[in-house]
Protein backbone atom coordinates (compact mmCIF):
# COMPACT_ATOMS: atom_id res chain seq x y z
CA UNK A 1 140.26 43.95 86.40
CA UNK A 2 143.47 45.46 85.00
CA UNK A 3 144.12 44.13 81.34
CA UNK A 4 147.75 42.75 81.27
CA UNK A 5 149.31 46.02 79.37
CA UNK A 6 148.15 48.06 81.96
CA UNK A 7 149.65 46.14 84.68
CA UNK A 8 153.00 46.80 83.74
CA UNK A 9 152.48 50.35 84.70
CA UNK A 10 149.76 50.15 87.55
CA UNK A 11 150.11 47.60 90.69
CA UNK A 12 146.42 46.80 90.77
CA UNK A 13 143.11 48.24 91.59
CA UNK A 14 143.49 47.88 95.40
CA UNK A 15 145.83 48.12 98.35
CA UNK A 16 146.48 44.52 98.69
CA UNK A 17 147.94 44.48 95.16
CA UNK A 18 149.95 47.59 95.73
CA UNK A 19 151.49 46.25 98.95
CA UNK A 20 152.17 42.87 97.18
CA UNK A 21 153.96 44.78 94.62
CA UNK A 22 155.97 46.86 96.93
CA UNK A 23 157.25 43.57 98.44
CA UNK A 24 158.32 42.33 95.22
CA UNK A 25 160.44 45.47 94.70
CA UNK A 26 161.67 45.04 98.49
CA UNK A 27 163.17 41.55 97.59
CA UNK A 28 165.34 43.47 94.95
CA UNK A 29 166.44 45.94 97.08
CA UNK A 30 163.97 48.54 95.76
CA UNK A 31 161.73 50.96 97.88
CA UNK A 32 158.15 51.78 96.94
CA UNK A 33 156.23 55.01 96.81
CA UNK A 34 152.56 54.38 96.83
CA UNK A 35 150.07 56.65 95.15
CA UNK A 36 146.39 56.04 94.90
CA UNK A 37 145.11 57.28 91.63
CA UNK A 38 142.83 59.95 91.63
CA UNK A 39 142.81 63.62 91.11
CA UNK A 40 140.94 67.06 90.58
CA UNK A 41 137.81 66.24 92.95
CA UNK A 42 135.38 68.97 92.76
CA UNK A 43 133.42 67.76 95.84
CA UNK A 44 134.76 67.05 99.07
CA UNK A 45 133.20 63.31 99.65
CA UNK A 46 135.62 61.67 97.41
CA UNK A 47 138.62 64.12 98.73
CA UNK A 48 137.63 62.78 102.24
CA UNK A 49 137.18 59.02 101.08
CA UNK A 50 140.93 59.17 99.38
CA UNK A 51 142.01 60.65 102.47
CA UNK A 52 140.42 57.63 104.71
CA UNK A 53 142.00 55.18 102.10
CA UNK A 54 145.64 56.72 102.61
CA UNK A 55 145.46 56.86 106.53
CA UNK A 56 144.52 53.04 106.15
CA UNK A 57 147.10 52.19 103.51
CA UNK A 58 149.79 53.84 105.84
CA UNK A 59 148.59 51.52 108.49
CA UNK A 60 148.45 48.41 106.39
CA UNK A 61 152.03 49.22 105.09
CA UNK A 62 153.26 49.00 108.67
CA UNK A 63 151.46 45.92 109.41
CA UNK A 64 152.99 44.15 106.34
CA UNK A 65 156.59 45.50 107.34
CA UNK A 66 157.33 46.75 103.74
CA UNK A 67 159.73 49.38 102.51
CA UNK A 68 157.68 52.31 101.26
CA UNK A 69 155.97 55.52 101.84
CA UNK A 70 153.17 57.31 99.99
CA UNK A 71 152.55 60.33 97.55
CA UNK A 72 149.51 62.33 97.45
CA UNK A 73 148.23 64.94 95.04
CA UNK A 74 146.89 68.04 96.62
CA UNK A 75 143.81 68.07 94.10
CA UNK A 76 143.00 64.67 94.87
CA UNK A 77 142.54 65.23 98.69
CA UNK A 78 140.59 68.78 98.49
CA UNK A 79 142.51 71.62 96.92
CA UNK A 80 140.03 71.95 94.38
CA UNK A 81 137.38 71.98 97.01
CA UNK A 82 138.72 74.72 99.11
CA UNK A 83 141.45 75.51 101.48
CA UNK A 84 139.78 74.02 104.65
CA UNK A 85 139.57 70.58 102.81
CA UNK A 86 142.89 70.55 101.65
CA UNK A 87 144.86 71.41 104.90
CA UNK A 88 142.51 69.14 106.92
CA UNK A 89 143.01 66.13 104.97
CA UNK A 90 146.58 66.53 104.66
CA UNK A 91 146.78 67.15 107.90
CA UNK A 92 145.11 63.95 108.82
CA UNK A 93 147.40 62.06 106.24
CA UNK A 94 150.70 63.41 107.66
CA UNK A 95 149.54 62.62 111.56
CA UNK A 96 148.63 59.09 110.47
CA UNK A 97 152.07 58.68 108.88
CA UNK A 98 153.90 59.94 111.91
CA UNK A 99 152.10 57.55 114.13
CA UNK A 100 153.56 54.93 111.78
CA UNK A 101 156.81 56.71 111.06
CA UNK A 102 156.15 56.74 107.42
CA UNK A 103 157.24 59.40 104.85
CA UNK A 104 154.54 61.56 102.89
CA UNK A 105 155.45 62.91 99.32
CA UNK A 106 153.36 65.82 98.20
CA UNK A 107 153.31 65.77 94.06
CA UNK A 108 153.51 68.87 92.01
CA UNK A 109 150.68 69.31 89.57
CA UNK A 110 150.37 72.18 86.98
CA UNK A 111 151.99 75.83 87.86
CA UNK A 112 148.47 76.93 89.38
CA UNK A 113 149.08 74.98 92.14
CA UNK A 114 152.82 75.47 93.05
CA UNK A 115 152.58 78.13 95.57
CA UNK A 116 149.94 76.59 97.66
CA UNK A 117 151.67 73.24 97.32
CA UNK A 118 154.94 74.82 98.54
CA UNK A 119 153.17 76.68 101.27
CA UNK A 120 151.77 73.36 102.48
CA UNK A 121 155.25 71.35 102.46
CA UNK A 122 156.89 74.21 104.50
CA UNK A 123 154.14 74.00 107.30
CA UNK A 124 154.44 70.23 107.41
CA UNK A 125 158.43 70.02 106.81
CA UNK A 126 158.74 72.22 109.85
CA UNK A 127 156.04 70.54 111.79
CA UNK A 128 157.74 67.06 111.39
CA UNK A 129 161.19 67.75 111.21
CA UNK A 130 161.61 66.56 107.75
CA UNK A 131 158.93 63.91 107.60
CA UNK A 132 157.53 64.94 104.19
CA UNK A 133 158.79 65.77 100.77
CA UNK A 134 157.50 67.87 97.97
CA UNK A 135 158.13 67.74 94.07
CA UNK A 136 159.47 70.60 91.91
CA UNK A 137 159.57 70.81 88.02
CA UNK A 138 162.58 71.96 85.99
CA UNK A 139 160.68 72.79 83.16
CA UNK A 140 159.35 75.91 85.15
CA UNK A 141 161.27 79.11 85.11
CA UNK A 142 160.59 79.71 88.87
CA UNK A 143 162.26 76.50 90.09
CA UNK A 144 165.61 78.08 90.53
CA UNK A 145 164.15 80.58 93.14
CA UNK A 146 161.95 77.84 94.83
CA UNK A 147 165.08 75.85 95.48
CA UNK A 148 166.73 78.56 97.02
CA UNK A 149 163.53 78.56 99.63
CA UNK A 150 163.37 74.85 100.06
CA UNK A 151 167.20 74.56 100.81
CA UNK A 152 166.84 75.83 104.45
CA UNK A 153 164.01 73.49 104.98
CA UNK A 154 164.03 70.03 106.70
CA UNK A 155 162.48 67.43 104.32
CA UNK A 156 163.16 66.17 100.89
CA UNK A 157 162.70 67.74 97.21
CA UNK A 158 162.31 65.44 94.46
CA UNK A 159 163.49 67.17 91.37
CA UNK A 160 161.77 66.14 88.04
CA UNK A 161 161.63 67.57 84.44
CA UNK A 162 158.08 68.22 84.16
CA UNK A 163 155.07 66.63 82.45
CA UNK A 164 152.62 69.30 82.33
CA UNK A 165 152.15 71.31 79.28
CA UNK A 166 152.73 74.86 80.76
CA UNK A 167 152.39 78.19 78.87
CA UNK A 168 155.89 79.29 77.45
CA UNK A 169 155.78 82.62 79.43
CA UNK A 170 156.51 80.45 82.81
CA UNK A 171 158.27 77.28 81.31
CA UNK A 172 161.06 75.93 79.15
CA UNK A 173 159.20 74.03 76.18
CA UNK A 174 162.35 72.64 74.38
CA UNK A 175 163.95 69.70 75.86
CA UNK A 176 167.56 70.83 75.37
CA UNK A 177 166.37 73.50 77.64
CA UNK A 178 164.66 71.51 80.03
CA UNK A 179 167.55 69.33 80.33
CA UNK A 180 170.13 72.23 80.89
CA UNK A 181 167.75 73.50 83.65
CA UNK A 182 167.68 69.95 85.43
CA UNK A 183 171.48 69.81 85.37
CA UNK A 184 171.91 73.28 86.85
CA UNK A 185 169.15 72.48 89.62
CA UNK A 186 170.30 69.33 90.27
CA UNK A 187 173.62 70.82 90.94
CA UNK A 188 172.60 73.48 93.19
CA UNK A 189 170.50 70.82 95.12
CA UNK A 190 173.39 68.67 95.75
CA UNK A 191 175.54 71.72 96.48
CA UNK A 192 173.05 73.19 99.04
CA UNK A 193 170.67 70.72 100.42
CA UNK A 194 171.51 69.02 103.70
CA UNK A 195 168.48 66.50 103.97
CA UNK A 196 169.22 64.78 100.84
CA UNK A 197 168.29 64.83 97.13
CA UNK A 198 165.45 62.95 95.39
CA UNK A 199 166.60 62.56 91.55
CA UNK A 200 163.06 61.93 89.94
CA UNK A 201 164.64 60.89 86.37
CA UNK A 202 164.73 57.83 84.29
CA UNK A 203 167.55 59.82 81.83
CA UNK A 204 170.73 57.87 82.30
CA UNK A 205 172.81 60.93 81.55
CA UNK A 206 171.18 62.73 84.65
CA UNK A 207 171.06 59.38 87.25
CA UNK A 208 175.02 59.33 86.10
CA UNK A 209 175.19 63.09 87.05
CA UNK A 210 173.56 62.57 90.22
CA UNK A 211 176.49 60.00 91.27
CA UNK A 212 179.07 62.23 90.25
CA UNK A 213 177.77 65.06 92.30
CA UNK A 214 177.27 62.55 95.18
CA UNK A 215 181.09 61.94 94.97
CA UNK A 216 181.86 65.49 94.77
CA UNK A 217 179.87 66.76 97.39
CA UNK A 218 178.87 63.91 99.96
CA UNK A 219 175.28 64.85 99.76
CA UNK A 220 172.67 61.82 100.35
CA UNK A 221 170.59 61.24 97.41
CA UNK A 222 168.12 58.74 96.06
CA UNK A 223 166.54 57.72 92.61
CA UNK A 224 163.09 57.59 91.84
CA UNK A 225 161.42 56.11 88.84
CA UNK A 226 157.87 54.98 87.69
CA UNK A 227 156.53 51.40 88.04
CA UNK A 228 156.98 49.99 84.27
CA UNK A 229 159.76 52.39 83.33
CA UNK A 230 163.51 50.99 83.24
CA UNK A 231 162.94 48.39 85.97
CA UNK A 232 166.03 46.48 85.23
CA UNK A 233 168.05 49.75 85.59
CA UNK A 234 166.20 50.42 89.01
CA UNK A 235 167.32 46.87 89.96
CA UNK A 236 170.76 47.51 88.97
CA UNK A 237 171.08 50.70 90.95
CA UNK A 238 170.02 49.30 94.13
CA UNK A 239 172.06 46.16 93.55
CA UNK A 240 174.87 49.05 93.44
CA UNK A 241 173.94 50.47 96.89
CA UNK A 242 172.05 53.31 95.32
CA UNK A 243 168.81 54.20 97.31
CA UNK A 244 166.04 53.36 94.64
CA UNK A 245 162.44 54.18 94.99
CA UNK A 246 159.80 53.16 92.32
CA UNK A 247 156.78 55.26 92.16
CA UNK A 248 153.65 52.92 92.10
CA UNK A 249 150.23 53.86 91.39
CA UNK A 250 147.34 51.62 92.17
CA UNK A 251 143.45 52.16 92.05
CA UNK A 252 140.22 51.63 90.02
CA UNK A 253 141.07 54.94 88.15
CA UNK A 254 144.00 53.34 86.04
CA UNK A 255 142.52 54.12 82.64
CA UNK A 256 143.46 57.83 82.77
CA UNK A 257 146.99 57.23 84.16
CA UNK A 258 147.95 54.25 82.05
CA UNK A 259 146.80 56.52 78.80
CA UNK A 260 149.00 59.33 79.72
CA UNK A 261 151.87 57.35 80.37
CA UNK A 262 151.73 56.04 76.63
CA UNK A 263 151.09 59.44 75.52
CA UNK A 264 153.95 61.25 77.04
CA UNK A 265 156.64 59.02 75.41
CA UNK A 266 156.89 57.40 72.24
CA UNK A 267 159.07 54.60 73.81
CA UNK A 268 156.10 53.95 76.20
CA UNK A 269 153.76 53.50 73.35
CA UNK A 270 156.04 51.48 71.34
CA UNK A 271 156.43 49.28 74.31
CA UNK A 272 152.94 49.09 74.86
CA UNK A 273 152.12 48.03 71.34
CA UNK A 274 154.65 45.23 71.38
CA UNK A 275 153.30 43.89 74.60
CA UNK A 276 149.79 43.83 73.03
CA UNK A 277 151.05 42.03 69.79
CA UNK A 278 153.06 39.55 71.80
CA UNK A 279 150.24 38.34 74.16
């Protein structure tokens, strides 16, 4: 059972709780992106089990009629096991999503997985005519070149600042440099992308910049934020007519995710402390 503070960042331990959370988001005009927690499986059995869970989740979301999609991590569905496991499981998930007219996001992990993740996205973006999306990270110096490749493909691209501790040789490590890269990449995406832009940021400056770029170029866009972070802003954006999604993790592997959320940002740690002391 989730402790009260963890439930601010994780929807619950099972699909029932996750779908109910999405339903509550929908009531405020916010869509949901469901992610079953789990990553870096070294054996095929858990990768296959989570693949089956995603297929069942897609069916249940359809039955429930909620506004939402899913997001999967490559290392969760077999990337660390081998190419056959990863490709077979991703194919299975994408096919289930296509059957139920649901969108699939492919999360980006550390830099060692970037090429194989982008290759998988390109394959399924073409095969589904845009039924999948991929995440790219502004802190990686290669991302400007990656966006040029992605601009000609169907599907969506989610731009985030990046949370992995990458080597300085391949990544910007100073916040100011990452912010500068994010602004430049966001501008490129709004100028060059036809299929829309997903702005994965809680930074009010970047959210405001996205609105300005939309006004200038007319490119469709959506804002994506995490569950438990700036939720009032999520509801406010949705009420203003901005397409807004909340990234919603769930599952019994909640502790490591919650711990990482608190470590990533001082504000999250202070939020957690205040919540614990107040309960």
